[in-house]
Every structure is written in C-alpha cells, then in structure tokens.
Amino acid sequence: MAVGTMRYWAAAKDAAGTAEEPYDAATLADALRAAGERHGDSPRFAPLVRTCSFVVDGHPVGKRDHAAVALTEGGTVEVLPPFAGG
C-alpha cells in the first residue's frame, strides 16, 4: 500500500466535493474503488469518474488496466474529466 494524493479537476472536483484527498492504495484501481465508496452519496461521482483520464506521478495512464498501475508513496493521481476542445 502507498499513501499519496488524488487531485480532482473541474467536474470531478465538483462531483467529489473536494479538490484533493489522500489515497491509501496499491493500485489505481484500488484508489478509485475507495474513492467511489467515499463519494457514494454523490450520484454524479461514479459515472463521471468512468469517463475520466488519469495521470499518475506525471505519467498518463491511457488505456492501461487500472489494476496494473502501481501507486507510489507520496505520489499523485490527477483525475481529469473530459472537457471541451480536448
């Protein structure tokens, strides 16, 4: 397990109700599962996150399996929703 920071941008920030929060997870899939549980009371959170792109420690995740993306101690996960013009 690693402890780091998840940063939410734009609509993801609104759906989460926060700009950032800690993660305590081994993989991106684990971190996203825990975030979904934390924000289960937000009907927009889970559907929005399924459409997001992720950047882990400055590296785009792309289409990689989230269970195969290891998180690092003190790392960051950027949660980027789709946006116009992008």
PDB file of N, CA and C in Angstrom:
ATOM      1  N   MET A   1       0.841  -1.182   0.000  1.00  0.00           N
ATOM      2  CA  MET A   1       0.000   0.000   0.000  1.00  0.00           C
ATOM      3  C   MET A   1       0.883   1.242   0.000  1.00  0.00           C
ATOM      4  N   ALA A   2       0.388   2.252  -0.662  1.00  0.00           N
ATOM      5  CA  ALA A   2       1.096   3.529  -0.721  1.00  0.00           C
ATOM      6  C   ALA A   2       0.123   4.637  -0.344  1.00  0.00           C
ATOM      7  N   VAL A   3       0.648   5.679   0.237  1.00  0.00           N
ATOM      8  CA  VAL A   3      -0.152   6.841   0.609  1.00  0.00           C
ATOM      9  C   VAL A   3       0.285   8.011  -0.254  1.00  0.00           C
ATOM     10  N   GLY A   4      -0.697   8.687  -0.859  1.00  0.00           N
ATOM     11  CA  GLY A   4      -0.419   9.832  -1.710  1.00  0.00           C
ATOM     12  C   GLY A   4      -1.643  10.717  -1.809  1.00  0.00           C
ATOM     13  N   THR A   5      -1.737  11.493  -2.880  1.00  0.00           N
ATOM     14  CA  THR A   5      -2.815  12.469  -3.045  1.00  0.00           C
ATOM     15  C   THR A   5      -3.530  12.275  -4.369  1.00  0.00           C
ATOM     16  N   MET A   6      -4.868  12.253  -4.309  1.00  0.00           N
ATOM     17  CA  MET A   6      -5.699  12.286  -5.508  1.00  0.00           C
ATOM     18  C   MET A   6      -6.163  13.716  -5.685  1.00  0.00           C
ATOM     19  N   ARG A   7      -5.962  14.253  -6.889  1.00  0.00           N
ATOM     20  CA  ARG A   7      -6.399  15.619  -7.198  1.00  0.00           C
ATOM     21  C   ARG A   7      -7.512  15.556  -8.235  1.00  0.00           C
ATOM     22  N   TYR A   8      -8.609  16.200  -7.921  1.00  0.00           N
ATOM     23  CA  TYR A   8      -9.759  16.224  -8.817  1.00  0.00           C
ATOM     24  C   TYR A   8      -9.821  17.573  -9.524  1.00  0.00           C
ATOM     25  N   TRP A   9     -10.114  17.538 -10.826  1.00  0.00           N
ATOM     26  CA  TRP A   9     -10.167  18.748 -11.626  1.00  0.00           C
ATOM     27  C   TRP A   9     -11.560  18.946 -12.201  1.00  0.00           C
ATOM     28  N   ALA A  10     -11.955  20.206 -12.327  1.00  0.00           N
ATOM     29  CA  ALA A  10     -13.197  20.627 -12.993  1.00  0.00           C
ATOM     30  C   ALA A  10     -14.413  19.853 -12.464  1.00  0.00           C
ATOM     31  N   ALA A  11     -15.151  19.181 -13.343  1.00  0.00           N
ATOM     32  CA  ALA A  11     -16.377  18.490 -12.943  1.00  0.00           C
ATOM     33  C   ALA A  11     -16.109  17.384 -11.923  1.00  0.00           C
ATOM     34  N   ALA A  12     -14.933  16.764 -11.976  1.00  0.00           N
ATOM     35  CA  ALA A  12     -14.591  15.727 -10.993  1.00  0.00           C
ATOM     36  C   ALA A  12     -14.476  16.343  -9.601  1.00  0.00           C
ATOM     37  N   LYS A  13     -13.938  17.526  -9.539  1.00  0.00           N
ATOM     38  CA  LYS A  13     -13.829  18.241  -8.258  1.00  0.00           C
ATOM     39  C   LYS A  13     -15.226  18.546  -7.710  1.00  0.00           C
ATOM     40  N   ASP A  14     -16.123  18.975  -8.581  1.00  0.00           N
ATOM     41  CA  ASP A  14     -17.492  19.251  -8.148  1.00  0.00           C
ATOM     42  C   ASP A  14     -18.191  17.984  -7.664  1.00  0.00           C
ATOM     43  N   ALA A  15     -18.033  16.891  -8.407  1.00  0.00           N
ATOM     44  CA  ALA A  15     -18.691  15.638  -8.036  1.00  0.00           C
ATOM     45  C   ALA A  15     -18.136  15.074  -6.728  1.00  0.00           C
ATOM     46  N   ALA A  16     -16.835  15.230  -6.503  1.00  0.00           N
ATOM     47  CA  ALA A  16     -16.208  14.733  -5.271  1.00  0.00           C
ATOM     48  C   ALA A  16     -16.454  15.663  -4.093  1.00  0.00           C
ATOM     49  N   GLY A  17     -16.713  16.934  -4.387  1.00  0.00           N
ATOM     50  CA  GLY A  17     -16.908  17.903  -3.310  1.00  0.00           C
ATOM     51  C   GLY A  17     -15.606  18.340  -2.667  1.00  0.00           C
ATOM     52  N   THR A  18     -14.496  18.066  -3.337  1.00  0.00           N
ATOM     53  CA  THR A  18     -13.186  18.447  -2.813  1.00  0.00           C
ATOM     54  C   THR A  18     -12.190  18.511  -3.971  1.00  0.00           C
ATOM     55  N   ALA A  19     -11.164  19.311  -3.803  1.00  0.00           N
ATOM     56  CA  ALA A  19     -10.132  19.420  -4.831  1.00  0.00           C
ATOM     57  C   ALA A  19      -9.111  18.288  -4.731  1.00  0.00           C
ATOM     58  N   GLU A  20      -8.904  17.791  -3.528  1.00  0.00           N
ATOM     59  CA  GLU A  20      -7.951  16.693  -3.349  1.00  0.00           C
ATOM     60  C   GLU A  20      -8.223  15.962  -2.056  1.00  0.00           C
ATOM     61  N   GLU A  21      -7.711  14.728  -2.020  1.00  0.00           N
ATOM     62  CA  GLU A  21      -7.846  13.892  -0.827  1.00  0.00           C
ATOM     63  C   GLU A  21      -6.751  12.836  -0.867  1.00  0.00           C
ATOM     64  N   PRO A  22      -6.449  12.253   0.266  1.00  0.00           N
ATOM     65  CA  PRO A  22      -5.395  11.236   0.274  1.00  0.00           C
ATOM     66  C   PRO A  22      -5.879   9.910  -0.308  1.00  0.00           C
ATOM     67  N   TYR A  23      -4.937   9.148  -0.845  1.00  0.00           N
ATOM     68  CA  TYR A  23      -5.222   7.750  -1.178  1.00  0.00           C
ATOM     69  C   TYR A  23      -4.325   6.879  -0.325  1.00  0.00           C
ATOM     70  N   ASP A  24      -4.779   5.682  -0.067  1.00  0.00           N
ATOM     71  CA  ASP A  24      -4.004   4.649   0.630  1.00  0.00           C
ATOM     72  C   ASP A  24      -4.314   3.363  -0.117  1.00  0.00           C
ATOM     73  N   ALA A  25      -3.550   3.110  -1.172  1.00  0.00           N
ATOM     74  CA  ALA A  25      -3.868   2.009  -2.078  1.00  0.00           C
ATOM     75  C   ALA A  25      -2.617   1.539  -2.801  1.00  0.00           C
ATOM     76  N   ALA A  26      -2.664   0.319  -3.281  1.00  0.00           N
ATOM     77  CA  ALA A  26      -1.536  -0.234  -4.021  1.00  0.00           C
ATOM     78  C   ALA A  26      -1.617   0.090  -5.511  1.00  0.00           C
ATOM     79  N   THR A  27      -2.845   0.151  -6.047  1.00  0.00           N
ATOM     80  CA  THR A  27      -3.019   0.387  -7.478  1.00  0.00           C
ATOM     81  C   THR A  27      -4.050   1.494  -7.717  1.00  0.00           C
ATOM     82  N   LEU A  28      -4.064   1.981  -8.945  1.00  0.00           N
ATOM     83  CA  LEU A  28      -5.062   2.983  -9.313  1.00  0.00           C
ATOM     84  C   LEU A  28      -6.465   2.413  -9.162  1.00  0.00           C
ATOM     85  N   ALA A  29      -6.672   1.162  -9.535  1.00  0.00           N
ATOM     86  CA  ALA A  29      -7.995   0.537  -9.385  1.00  0.00           C
ATOM     87  C   ALA A  29      -8.438   0.550  -7.923  1.00  0.00           C
ATOM     88  N   ASP A  30      -7.527   0.223  -7.010  1.00  0.00           N
ATOM     89  CA  ASP A  30      -7.854   0.230  -5.581  1.00  0.00           C
ATOM     90  C   ASP A  30      -8.200   1.632  -5.103  1.00  0.00           C
ATOM     91  N   ALA A  31      -7.431   2.618  -5.541  1.00  0.00           N
ATOM     92  CA  ALA A  31      -7.674   4.004  -5.129  1.00  0.00           C
ATOM     93  C   ALA A  31      -9.028   4.493  -5.646  1.00  0.00           C
ATOM     94  N   LEU A  32      -9.354   4.146  -6.893  1.00  0.00           N
ATOM     95  CA  LEU A  32     -10.633   4.574  -7.459  1.00  0.00           C
ATOM     96  C   LEU A  32     -11.805   3.871  -6.787  1.00  0.00           C
ATOM     97  N   ARG A  33     -11.634   2.612  -6.435  1.00  0.00           N
ATOM     98  CA  ARG A  33     -12.677   1.879  -5.716  1.00  0.00           C
ATOM     99  C   ARG A  33     -12.942   2.541  -4.358  1.00  0.00           C
ATOM    100  N   ALA A  34     -11.890   2.878  -3.637  1.00  0.00           N
ATOM    101  CA  ALA A  34     -12.040   3.526  -2.330  1.00  0.00           C
ATOM    102  C   ALA A  34     -12.677   4.903  -2.475  1.00  0.00           C
ATOM    103  N   ALA A  35     -12.286   5.651  -3.507  1.00  0.00           N
ATOM    104  CA  ALA A  35     -12.879   6.972  -3.735  1.00  0.00           C
ATOM    105  C   ALA A  35     -14.366   6.833  -4.036  1.00  0.00           C
ATOM    106  N   GLY A  36     -14.729   5.820  -4.824  1.00  0.00           N
ATOM    107  CA  GLY A  36     -16.140   5.578  -5.125  1.00  0.00           C
ATOM    108  C   GLY A  36     -16.945   5.287  -3.868  1.00  0.00           C
ATOM    109  N   GLU A  37     -16.353   4.542  -2.947  1.00  0.00           N
ATOM    110  CA  GLU A  37     -17.030   4.261  -1.675  1.00  0.00           C
ATOM    111  C   GLU A  37     -17.174   5.532  -0.845  1.00  0.00           C
ATOM    112  N   ARG A  38     -16.126   6.359  -0.805  1.00  0.00           N
ATOM    113  CA  ARG A  38     -16.176   7.608  -0.036  1.00  0.00           C
ATOM    114  C   ARG A  38     -17.218   8.570  -0.580  1.00  0.00           C
ATOM    115  N   HIS A  39     -17.380   8.573  -1.899  1.00  0.00           N
ATOM    116  CA  HIS A  39     -18.271   9.542  -2.534  1.00  0.00           C
ATOM    117  C   HIS A  39     -19.547   8.888  -3.060  1.00  0.00           C
ATOM    118  N   GLY A  40     -19.916   7.773  -2.461  1.00  0.00           N
ATOM    119  CA  GLY A  40     -21.112   7.048  -2.872  1.00  0.00           C
ATOM    120  C   GLY A  40     -22.393   7.849  -2.755  1.00  0.00           C
ATOM    121  N   ASP A  41     -22.390   8.886  -1.924  1.00  0.00           N
ATOM    122  CA  ASP A  41     -23.589   9.710  -1.768  1.00  0.00           C
ATOM    123  C   ASP A  41     -23.732  10.738  -2.891  1.00  0.00           C
ATOM    124  N   SER A  42     -22.732  10.853  -3.745  1.00  0.00           N
ATOM    125  CA  SER A  42     -22.797  11.765  -4.888  1.00  0.00           C
ATOM    126  C   SER A  42     -23.219  10.964  -6.125  1.00  0.00           C
ATOM    127  N   PRO A  43     -24.432  11.178  -6.619  1.00  0.00           N
ATOM    128  CA  PRO A  43     -24.890  10.392  -7.774  1.00  0.00           C
ATOM    129  C   PRO A  43     -24.081  10.649  -9.042  1.00  0.00           C
ATOM    130  N   ARG A  44     -23.343  11.741  -9.099  1.00  0.00           N
ATOM    131  CA  ARG A  44     -22.553  12.081 -10.283  1.00  0.00           C
ATOM    132  C   ARG A  44     -21.149  11.491 -10.251  1.00  0.00           C
ATOM    133  N   PHE A  45     -20.637  11.154  -9.076  1.00  0.00           N
ATOM    134  CA  PHE A  45     -19.230  10.785  -8.951  1.00  0.00           C
ATOM    135  C   PHE A  45     -18.854   9.557  -9.792  1.00  0.00           C
ATOM    136  N   ALA A  46     -19.483   8.419  -9.544  1.00  0.00           N
ATOM    137  CA  ALA A  46     -19.092   7.181 -10.235  1.00  0.00           C
ATOM    138  C   ALA A  46     -19.234   7.286 -11.758  1.00  0.00           C
ATOM    139  N   PRO A  47     -20.374   7.771 -12.270  1.00  0.00           N
ATOM    140  CA  PRO A  47     -20.476   7.873 -13.737  1.00  0.00           C
ATOM    141  C   PRO A  47     -19.427   8.809 -14.337  1.00  0.00           C
ATOM    142  N   LEU A  48     -19.128   9.890 -13.649  1.00  0.00           N
ATOM    143  CA  LEU A  48     -18.143  10.842 -14.160  1.00  0.00           C
ATOM    144  C   LEU A  48     -16.744  10.236 -14.163  1.00  0.00           C
ATOM    145  N   VAL A  49     -16.371   9.590 -13.082  1.00  0.00           N
ATOM    146  CA  VAL A  49     -15.021   9.025 -12.985  1.00  0.00           C
ATOM    147  C   VAL A  49     -14.785   7.975 -14.069  1.00  0.00           C
ATOM    148  N   ARG A  50     -15.833   7.268 -14.469  1.00  0.00           N
ATOM    149  CA  ARG A  50     -15.682   6.274 -15.546  1.00  0.00           C
ATOM    150  C   ARG A  50     -15.287   6.928 -16.871  1.00  0.00           C
ATOM    151  N   THR A  51     -15.531   8.225 -17.024  1.00  0.00           N
ATOM    152  CA  THR A  51     -15.187   8.922 -18.267  1.00  0.00           C
ATOM    153  C   THR A  51     -13.869   9.694 -18.167  1.00  0.00           C
ATOM    154  N   CYS A  52     -13.254   9.679 -17.007  1.00  0.00           N
ATOM    155  CA  CYS A  52     -12.057  10.485 -16.765  1.00  0.00           C
ATOM    156  C   CYS A  52     -10.788   9.855 -17.329  1.00  0.00           C
ATOM    157  N   SER A  53      -9.810  10.710 -17.519  1.00  0.00           N
ATOM    158  CA  SER A  53      -8.438  10.303 -17.803  1.00  0.00           C
ATOM    159  C   SER A  53      -7.658  10.459 -16.502  1.00  0.00           C
ATOM    160  N   PHE A  54      -6.554   9.721 -16.386  1.00  0.00           N
ATOM    161  CA  PHE A  54      -5.766   9.756 -15.161  1.00  0.00           C
ATOM    162  C   PHE A  54      -4.297   9.956 -15.497  1.00  0.00           C
ATOM    163  N   VAL A  55      -3.646  10.735 -14.643  1.00  0.00           N
ATOM    164  CA  VAL A  55      -2.210  10.933 -14.739  1.00  0.00           C
ATOM    165  C   VAL A  55      -1.641  10.552 -13.375  1.00  0.00           C
ATOM    166  N   VAL A  56      -0.745   9.584 -13.361  1.00  0.00           N
ATOM    167  CA  VAL A  56      -0.153   9.094 -12.112  1.00  0.00           C
ATOM    168  C   VAL A  56       1.312   9.499 -12.084  1.00  0.00           C
ATOM    169  N   ASP A  57       1.654  10.301 -11.106  1.00  0.00           N
ATOM    170  CA  ASP A  57       3.034  10.778 -10.946  1.00  0.00           C
ATOM    171  C   ASP A  57       3.575  11.396 -12.235  1.00  0.00           C
ATOM    172  N   GLY A  58       2.721  12.152 -12.917  1.00  0.00           N
ATOM    173  CA  GLY A  58       3.135  12.852 -14.124  1.00  0.00           C
ATOM    174  C   GLY A  58       3.084  12.031 -15.399  1.00  0.00           C
ATOM    175  N   HIS A  59       2.642  10.774 -15.319  1.00  0.00           N
ATOM    176  CA  HIS A  59       2.595   9.894 -16.486  1.00  0.00           C
ATOM    177  C   HIS A  59       1.150   9.537 -16.824  1.00  0.00           C
ATOM    178  N   PRO A  60       0.693   9.849 -18.042  1.00  0.00           N
ATOM    179  CA  PRO A  60      -0.672   9.492 -18.438  1.00  0.00           C
ATOM    180  C   PRO A  60      -0.887   7.979 -18.373  1.00  0.00           C
ATOM    181  N   VAL A  61      -2.029   7.584 -17.844  1.00  0.00           N
ATOM    182  CA  VAL A  61      -2.369   6.166 -17.730  1.00  0.00           C
ATOM    183  C   VAL A  61      -2.834   5.614 -19.081  1.00  0.00           C
ATOM    184  N   GLY A  62      -3.526   6.427 -19.839  1.00  0.00           N
ATOM    185  CA  GLY A  62      -4.033   5.966 -21.130  1.00  0.00           C
ATOM    186  C   GLY A  62      -4.998   4.807 -20.964  1.00  0.00           C
ATOM    187  N   LYS A  63      -4.856   3.806 -21.799  1.00  0.00           N
ATOM    188  CA  LYS A  63      -5.782   2.665 -21.787  1.00  0.00           C
ATOM    189  C   LYS A  63      -5.277   1.492 -20.943  1.00  0.00           C
ATOM    190  N   ARG A  64      -4.212   1.705 -20.181  1.00  0.00           N
ATOM    191  CA  ARG A  64      -3.704   0.620 -19.326  1.00  0.00           C
ATOM    192  C   ARG A  64      -4.743   0.194 -18.306  1.00  0.00           C
ATOM    193  N   ASP A  65      -4.718  -1.074 -17.958  1.00  0.00           N
ATOM    194  CA  ASP A  65      -5.586  -1.619 -16.922  1.00  0.00           C
ATOM    195  C   ASP A  65      -5.261  -0.922 -15.599  1.00  0.00           C
ATOM    196  N   HIS A  66      -6.257  -0.340 -14.972  1.00  0.00           N
ATOM    197  CA  HIS A  66      -6.027   0.400 -13.732  1.00  0.00           C
ATOM    198  C   HIS A  66      -5.480  -0.495 -12.618  1.00  0.00           C
ATOM    199  N   ALA A  67      -5.781  -1.780 -12.681  1.00  0.00           N
ATOM    200  CA  ALA A  67      -5.248  -2.710 -11.677  1.00  0.00           C
ATOM    201  C   ALA A  67      -3.753  -2.948 -11.871  1.00  0.00           C
ATOM    202  N   ALA A  68      -3.226  -2.597 -13.035  1.00  0.00           N
ATOM    203  CA  ALA A  68      -1.803  -2.791 -13.316  1.00  0.00           C
ATOM    204  C   ALA A  68      -0.989  -1.516 -13.088  1.00  0.00           C
ATOM    205  N   VAL A  69      -1.659  -0.432 -12.703  1.00  0.00           N
ATOM    206  CA  VAL A  69      -0.964   0.844 -12.481  1.00  0.00           C
ATOM    207  C   VAL A  69      -0.654   0.963 -10.988  1.00  0.00           C
ATOM    208  N   ALA A  70       0.609   0.733 -10.632  1.00  0.00           N
ATOM    209  CA  ALA A  70       1.028   0.797  -9.229  1.00  0.00           C
ATOM    210  C   ALA A  70       1.125   2.252  -8.772  1.00  0.00           C
ATOM    211  N   LEU A  71       0.692   2.494  -7.555  1.00  0.00           N
ATOM    212  CA  LEU A  71       0.815   3.820  -6.955  1.00  0.00           C
ATOM    213  C   LEU A  71       2.043   3.860  -6.063  1.00  0.00           C
ATOM    214  N   THR A  72       2.593   5.065  -5.928  1.00  0.00           N
ATOM    215  CA  THR A  72       3.826   5.225  -5.167  1.00  0.00           C
ATOM    216  C   THR A  72       3.591   6.011  -3.882  1.00  0.00           C
ATOM    217  N   GLU A  73       4.435   5.767  -2.926  1.00  0.00           N
ATOM    218  CA  GLU A  73       4.399   6.512  -1.665  1.00  0.00           C
ATOM    219  C   GLU A  73       4.672   7.982  -1.964  1.00  0.00           C
ATOM    220  N   GLY A  74       3.778   8.853  -1.516  1.00  0.00           N
ATOM    221  CA  GLY A  74       3.932  10.282  -1.730  1.00  0.00           C
ATOM    222  C   GLY A  74       3.581  10.727  -3.136  1.00  0.00           C
ATOM    223  N   GLY A  75       2.988   9.834  -3.919  1.00  0.00           N
ATOM    224  CA  GLY A  75       2.662  10.139  -5.310  1.00  0.00           C
ATOM    225  C   GLY A  75       1.377  10.947  -5.472  1.00  0.00           C
ATOM    226  N   THR A  76       1.046  11.224  -6.731  1.00  0.00           N
ATOM    227  CA  THR A  76      -0.186  11.948  -7.036  1.00  0.00           C
ATOM    228  C   THR A  76      -0.932  11.250  -8.174  1.00  0.00           C
ATOM    229  N   VAL A  77      -2.240  11.306  -8.060  1.00  0.00           N
ATOM    230  CA  VAL A  77      -3.144  10.840  -9.102  1.00  0.00           C
ATOM    231  C   VAL A  77      -3.985  12.048  -9.495  1.00  0.00           C
ATOM    232  N   GLU A  78      -3.891  12.442 -10.756  1.00  0.00           N
ATOM    233  CA  GLU A  78      -4.705  13.536 -11.291  1.00  0.00           C
ATOM    234  C   GLU A  78      -5.926  12.916 -11.954  1.00  0.00           C
ATOM    235  N   VAL A  79      -7.107  13.370 -11.580  1.00  0.00           N
ATOM    236  CA  VAL A  79      -8.371  12.867 -12.128  1.00  0.00           C
ATOM    237  C   VAL A  79      -8.919  13.950 -13.042  1.00  0.00           C
ATOM    238  N   LEU A  80      -8.884  13.688 -14.351  1.00  0.00           N
ATOM    239  CA  LEU A  80      -9.197  14.701 -15.364  1.00  0.00           C
ATOM    240  C   LEU A  80     -10.439  14.315 -16.149  1.00  0.00           C
ATOM    241  N   PRO A  81     -11.540  15.034 -15.938  1.00  0.00           N
ATOM    242  CA  PRO A  81     -12.750  14.727 -16.700  1.00  0.00           C
ATOM    243  C   PRO A  81     -12.614  15.214 -18.132  1.00  0.00           C
ATOM    244  N   PRO A  82     -13.464  14.690 -19.018  1.00  0.00           N
ATOM    245  CA  PRO A  82     -13.447  15.192 -20.381  1.00  0.00           C
ATOM    246  C   PRO A  82     -13.792  16.679 -20.375  1.00  0.00           C
ATOM    247  N   PHE A  83     -13.236  17.412 -21.317  1.00  0.00           N
ATOM    248  CA  PHE A  83     -13.554  18.832 -21.388  1.00  0.00           C
ATOM    249  C   PHE A  83     -13.589  19.272 -22.836  1.00  0.00           C
ATOM    250  N   ALA A  84     -14.310  20.342 -23.104  1.00  0.00           N
ATOM    251  CA  ALA A  84     -14.485  20.835 -24.462  1.00  0.00           C
ATOM    252  C   ALA A  84     -13.148  21.221 -25.074  1.00  0.00           C
ATOM    253  N   GLY A  85     -13.000  20.949 -26.340  1.00  0.00           N
ATOM    254  CA  GLY A  85     -11.784  21.325 -27.049  1.00  0.00           C
ATOM    255  C   GLY A  85     -10.625  20.404 -26.831  1.00  0.00           C
ATOM    256  N   GLY A  86     -10.779  19.369 -25.961  1.00  0.00           N
ATOM    257  CA  GLY A  86      -9.659  18.495 -25.657  1.00  0.00           C
ATOM    258  C   GLY A  86      -9.713  17.257 -26.414  1.00  0.00           C
TER     259      GLY A  86
END
